[in-house]
Amino acid sequence: MMNVIIIEDEHLTAERIKSLILTIDSDISILAVLDSVKASVEWFRKNDRPDLVFMDIQLADGISFDIFERVAVETPIIFITAYQEYAIKAFQVYSVDYLLKPVTPEALRAAIEKYRHYFTGNKDFPTIDSHLLGTIRKMIEKPHKTRFMVRIGEHIKSIEVDQILYFFSFQKGTYLHTSENRNYVIEYSLDALSDMLDPERFHRINRSYIVSHQAIQSLTALSGSKLRVTLLHSENEEIYVSRDRLAHFRAWLDR
């Protein structure tokens, strides 16, 4: 039996990978699904090494390479990433394989078969040294998010950032709104999104909205330096730029 763990901070992606793994081989035992550097370090310190790790590069509290700096990871790894091939060639030799999001069943199956072919038995596994780690970190640290995984009934769909007009919070949920006039619930708060999104493309205008340039249909200057924003497809006529964000918003519009 193969024992594996999944390190992935997007719940929907983690559940999809878990489901695909068990579909490919129901005898595989998934020991844990972890969503952060901190949780991963604690797990490796307290448990025996698994046979294989599926590891996202960008996690909620840092990049996954931070794990290697805190604890020895002597296990073959399949990296999960949104980065294109050119950005991850540098560490390909140090892993079993890499999977580009959204992960497909075919790619996952091929990666597992590659692991079984090359990394079974008592072969030594190459470690990531500090020089390589530094090189990789410079290439990928704090990348801007390029897509979001959303659930539609029993299905999961990938939404490219180019398709998103704005993000908003409503009641206790956070949603993205697309150019196709569709709303999808997502797992992140607006505070978390502010750190993930390209600031050239998106701007936080108040406590409830993060907007793109393309989302703004019109702006209306009101008395008291108040600025009302009319967004495409939105029926909310009471969207205003917070006064403490107004100067930054104007500067963002002029970029």
Protein backbone atom coordinates (compact mmCIF):
# COMPACT_ATOMS: atom_id res chain seq x y z
CA MET A 1 0.00 0.00 0.00
CA MET A 2 1.25 3.48 -0.86
CA ASN A 3 0.95 6.16 1.82
CA VAL A 4 0.66 9.76 0.60
CA ILE A 5 -0.09 13.22 1.94
CA ILE A 6 -1.51 16.24 0.14
CA ILE A 7 -0.29 19.77 0.91
CA GLU A 8 -2.70 22.22 -0.75
CA ASP A 9 -4.36 25.34 0.67
CA GLU A 10 -7.29 25.47 -1.78
CA HIS A 11 -9.91 23.14 -0.32
CA LEU A 12 -11.62 22.39 -3.64
CA THR A 13 -8.31 21.59 -5.35
CA ALA A 14 -7.26 19.35 -2.44
CA GLU A 15 -10.58 17.49 -2.54
CA ARG A 16 -10.29 17.07 -6.31
CA ILE A 17 -6.77 15.66 -6.06
CA LYS A 18 -7.83 13.34 -3.25
CA SER A 19 -10.78 12.09 -5.29
CA LEU A 20 -8.65 11.58 -8.41
CA ILE A 21 -5.98 9.67 -6.48
CA LEU A 22 -8.54 7.25 -5.03
CA THR A 23 -10.15 6.85 -8.44
CA ILE A 24 -6.79 5.96 -9.97
CA ASP A 25 -5.90 3.53 -7.16
CA SER A 26 -8.28 2.89 -4.27
CA ASP A 27 -5.50 1.11 -2.35
CA ILE A 28 -3.56 4.35 -1.92
CA SER A 29 -3.85 5.61 1.66
CA ILE A 30 -4.11 9.38 2.08
CA LEU A 31 -2.66 10.01 5.52
CA ALA A 32 -3.33 13.73 5.71
CA VAL A 33 -4.47 16.80 3.79
CA LEU A 34 -2.57 19.86 5.00
CA ASP A 35 -3.12 23.49 4.05
CA SER A 36 -0.13 25.45 5.37
CA VAL A 37 3.60 25.49 5.96
CA LYS A 38 3.03 25.39 9.72
CA ALA A 39 0.71 22.38 9.63
CA SER A 40 3.04 20.54 7.26
CA VAL A 41 6.12 21.09 9.43
CA GLU A 42 4.23 19.84 12.49
CA TRP A 43 3.04 16.76 10.60
CA PHE A 44 6.53 15.82 9.36
CA ARG A 45 7.94 16.21 12.87
CA LYS A 46 5.35 13.93 14.44
CA ASN A 47 4.88 11.24 11.79
CA ASP A 48 6.85 8.68 9.82
CA ARG A 49 7.72 9.71 6.29
CA PRO A 50 5.06 8.93 3.68
CA ASP A 51 5.87 7.27 0.37
CA LEU A 52 4.88 10.28 -1.70
CA VAL A 53 3.87 13.93 -1.20
CA PHE A 54 1.60 16.03 -3.44
CA MET A 55 2.70 19.58 -2.67
CA ASP A 56 1.35 22.93 -3.85
CA ILE A 57 4.03 25.60 -4.20
CA GLN A 58 2.06 28.59 -2.93
CA LEU A 59 0.43 28.05 0.47
CA ALA A 60 -1.63 30.32 2.70
CA ASP A 61 1.28 31.19 5.01
CA GLY A 62 4.21 31.07 2.58
CA ILE A 63 5.70 28.95 -0.17
CA SER A 64 6.10 25.23 0.29
CA PHE A 65 9.89 25.49 0.14
CA ASP A 66 9.72 27.08 3.60
CA ILE A 67 8.90 23.57 4.83
CA PHE A 68 12.33 22.32 3.71
CA GLU A 69 14.05 24.99 5.78
CA ARG A 70 12.35 23.84 8.99
CA VAL A 71 12.25 20.08 8.70
CA ALA A 72 13.92 17.34 6.66
CA VAL A 73 11.65 16.14 3.84
CA GLU A 74 13.17 12.89 2.62
CA THR A 75 10.25 11.89 0.46
CA PRO A 76 9.61 12.04 -3.29
CA ILE A 77 7.41 15.00 -4.22
CA ILE A 78 4.94 15.75 -6.98
CA PHE A 79 4.61 19.52 -7.11
CA ILE A 80 1.26 21.14 -7.86
CA THR A 81 1.59 24.55 -9.46
CA ALA A 82 -0.05 27.26 -11.52
CA TYR A 83 3.32 28.25 -12.98
CA GLN A 84 4.28 27.55 -16.53
CA GLU A 85 7.00 25.06 -17.35
CA TYR A 86 9.82 27.58 -17.78
CA ALA A 87 9.51 28.73 -14.17
CA ILE A 88 9.85 25.27 -12.63
CA LYS A 89 12.54 23.63 -14.77
CA ALA A 90 15.04 24.52 -12.04
CA PHE A 91 13.62 22.04 -9.55
CA GLN A 92 12.12 19.42 -11.84
CA VAL A 93 15.07 17.11 -11.25
CA TYR A 94 14.43 17.30 -7.50
CA SER A 95 10.90 15.98 -7.75
CA VAL A 96 8.99 13.12 -9.26
CA ASP A 97 7.00 15.42 -11.49
CA TYR A 98 4.89 18.56 -11.48
CA LEU A 99 1.20 19.05 -12.18
CA LEU A 100 -0.19 22.25 -13.65
CA LYS A 101 -3.53 23.44 -12.27
CA PRO A 102 -6.25 22.50 -12.94
CA VAL A 103 -4.99 18.96 -12.40
CA THR A 104 -6.27 16.44 -14.95
CA PRO A 105 -6.80 12.72 -14.30
CA GLU A 106 -4.38 11.85 -17.12
CA ALA A 107 -1.57 14.01 -15.73
CA LEU A 108 -2.07 12.69 -12.20
CA ARG A 109 -2.10 9.08 -13.36
CA ALA A 110 1.11 9.61 -15.35
CA ALA A 111 2.84 11.23 -12.34
CA ILE A 112 1.91 8.35 -10.05
CA GLU A 113 3.15 5.83 -12.61
CA LYS A 114 6.40 7.79 -12.95
CA TYR A 115 6.85 7.62 -9.17
CA ARG A 116 6.28 3.88 -9.16
CA HIS A 117 8.77 3.41 -11.97
CA TYR A 118 11.62 5.53 -10.67
CA PHE A 119 11.22 5.96 -6.91
CA THR A 120 10.22 2.57 -5.54
CA GLY A 121 12.77 0.52 -3.65
CA ASN A 122 15.64 1.95 -1.66
CA LYS A 123 16.88 4.59 -4.07
CA ASP A 124 18.33 7.74 -2.57
CA PHE A 125 16.15 10.78 -3.11
CA PRO A 126 17.92 14.04 -4.09
CA THR A 127 17.51 16.86 -1.60
CA ILE A 128 16.92 20.53 -2.33
CA ASP A 129 19.99 22.49 -1.22
CA SER A 130 20.01 26.10 -0.04
CA HIS A 131 21.40 27.48 -3.30
CA LEU A 132 18.67 25.90 -5.41
CA LEU A 133 16.06 26.93 -2.86
CA GLY A 134 17.18 30.56 -3.10
CA THR A 135 17.05 30.48 -6.89
CA ILE A 136 13.55 29.05 -6.92
CA ARG A 137 12.33 31.49 -4.28
CA LYS A 138 13.41 34.47 -6.37
CA MET A 139 11.47 33.14 -9.34
CA ILE A 140 8.19 32.36 -7.65
CA GLU A 141 7.85 34.17 -4.34
CA LYS A 142 4.50 35.89 -3.92
CA PRO A 143 3.14 35.32 -7.42
CA HIS A 144 -0.17 36.85 -8.36
CA LYS A 145 -3.02 34.39 -8.50
CA THR A 146 -3.98 33.45 -12.04
CA ARG A 147 -7.09 31.30 -11.53
CA PHE A 148 -9.66 30.20 -8.98
CA MET A 149 -11.28 26.81 -8.55
CA VAL A 150 -15.03 27.06 -7.97
CA ARG A 151 -17.71 24.46 -7.35
CA ILE A 152 -20.77 24.17 -9.58
CA GLY A 153 -22.95 21.48 -8.07
CA GLU A 154 -20.84 18.34 -8.09
CA HIS A 155 -18.41 19.77 -10.63
CA ILE A 156 -15.34 21.96 -10.20
CA LYS A 157 -14.50 24.69 -12.69
CA SER A 158 -11.37 26.77 -13.19
CA ILE A 159 -11.96 30.53 -13.59
CA GLU A 160 -9.09 32.51 -15.10
CA VAL A 161 -8.39 35.90 -13.53
CA ASP A 162 -8.84 37.51 -16.95
CA GLN A 163 -12.51 36.50 -16.77
CA ILE A 164 -13.12 38.16 -13.38
CA LEU A 165 -14.56 41.67 -13.14
CA TYR A 166 -14.74 42.01 -9.38
CA PHE A 167 -14.88 40.26 -6.02
CA PHE A 168 -17.42 41.08 -3.32
CA SER A 169 -18.54 39.94 0.10
CA PHE A 170 -22.17 39.33 0.94
CA GLN A 171 -23.46 38.18 4.30
CA LYS A 172 -20.86 35.59 5.33
CA GLY A 173 -19.62 34.64 1.86
CA THR A 174 -17.09 35.90 -0.69
CA TYR A 175 -17.89 35.82 -4.39
CA LEU A 176 -16.24 36.51 -7.71
CA HIS A 177 -18.19 37.98 -10.60
CA THR A 178 -17.22 37.17 -14.18
CA SER A 179 -17.52 38.96 -17.50
CA GLU A 180 -20.22 36.39 -18.34
CA ASN A 181 -22.37 37.86 -15.53
CA ARG A 182 -21.99 34.87 -13.23
CA ASN A 183 -21.29 34.81 -9.50
CA TYR A 184 -19.27 32.03 -7.88
CA VAL A 185 -18.56 31.52 -4.20
CA ILE A 186 -14.88 31.24 -3.27
CA GLU A 187 -13.06 30.25 -0.11
CA TYR A 188 -10.95 33.37 0.41
CA SER A 189 -11.76 36.53 2.33
CA LEU A 190 -11.28 39.92 0.67
CA ASP A 191 -8.33 40.52 2.99
CA ALA A 192 -6.64 37.37 1.74
CA LEU A 193 -7.47 38.22 -1.88
CA SER A 194 -5.80 41.61 -1.52
CA ASP A 195 -2.47 39.83 -1.05
CA MET A 196 -3.04 37.36 -3.89
CA LEU A 197 -4.20 39.60 -6.72
CA ASP A 198 -2.15 41.74 -9.09
CA PRO A 199 -2.48 45.32 -7.74
CA GLU A 200 -2.17 46.68 -11.26
CA ARG A 201 -5.31 44.79 -12.23
CA PHE A 202 -7.45 44.85 -9.05
CA HIS A 203 -8.08 47.43 -6.33
CA ARG A 204 -9.86 47.23 -2.97
CA ILE A 205 -12.31 50.15 -2.95
CA ASN A 206 -14.07 49.43 0.36
CA ARG A 207 -14.75 46.67 2.87
CA SER A 208 -16.98 44.77 0.45
CA TYR A 209 -15.50 45.13 -3.05
CA ILE A 210 -12.30 44.50 -4.99
CA VAL A 211 -12.70 45.70 -8.58
CA SER A 212 -10.86 45.60 -11.89
CA HIS A 213 -10.58 48.47 -14.33
CA GLN A 214 -12.90 46.64 -16.72
CA ALA A 215 -15.62 46.35 -14.08
CA ILE A 216 -16.09 50.09 -13.66
CA GLN A 217 -18.97 51.33 -15.79
CA SER A 218 -19.05 54.87 -14.39
CA LEU A 219 -17.97 57.05 -11.48
CA THR A 220 -20.11 59.73 -9.88
CA ALA A 221 -18.59 62.48 -7.71
CA LEU A 222 -20.89 63.41 -4.84
CA SER A 223 -20.73 66.06 -2.16
CA GLY A 224 -18.18 65.69 0.61
CA SER A 225 -15.58 64.08 -1.71
CA LYS A 226 -17.76 61.00 -1.91
CA LEU A 227 -17.35 58.82 -4.99
CA ARG A 228 -19.97 56.33 -6.18
CA VAL A 229 -18.96 53.43 -8.39
CA THR A 230 -21.30 51.78 -10.88
CA LEU A 231 -20.13 48.28 -11.76
CA LEU A 232 -21.01 46.23 -14.81
CA HIS A 233 -23.83 43.74 -14.19
CA SER A 234 -24.32 44.97 -10.62
CA GLU A 235 -27.73 46.04 -9.34
CA ASN A 236 -26.17 47.54 -6.23
CA GLU A 237 -26.44 51.32 -6.64
CA GLU A 238 -24.81 52.05 -3.28
CA ILE A 239 -21.18 51.17 -3.93
CA TYR A 240 -18.82 53.88 -2.71
CA VAL A 241 -15.07 54.25 -2.46
CA SER A 242 -14.06 54.50 1.18
CA ARG A 243 -12.68 57.93 2.03
CA ASP A 244 -9.44 56.49 3.35
CA ARG A 245 -8.96 54.65 0.06
CA LEU A 246 -9.95 57.48 -2.27
CA ALA A 247 -6.48 58.88 -2.95
CA HIS A 248 -5.06 55.42 -3.66
CA PHE A 249 -8.03 54.62 -5.87
CA ARG A 250 -7.52 57.75 -7.98
CA ALA A 251 -3.82 56.96 -8.34
CA TRP A 252 -4.69 53.39 -9.38
CA LEU A 253 -7.08 54.69 -12.05
CA ASP A 254 -4.34 56.88 -13.53
CA ARG A 255 -1.81 54.05 -13.95
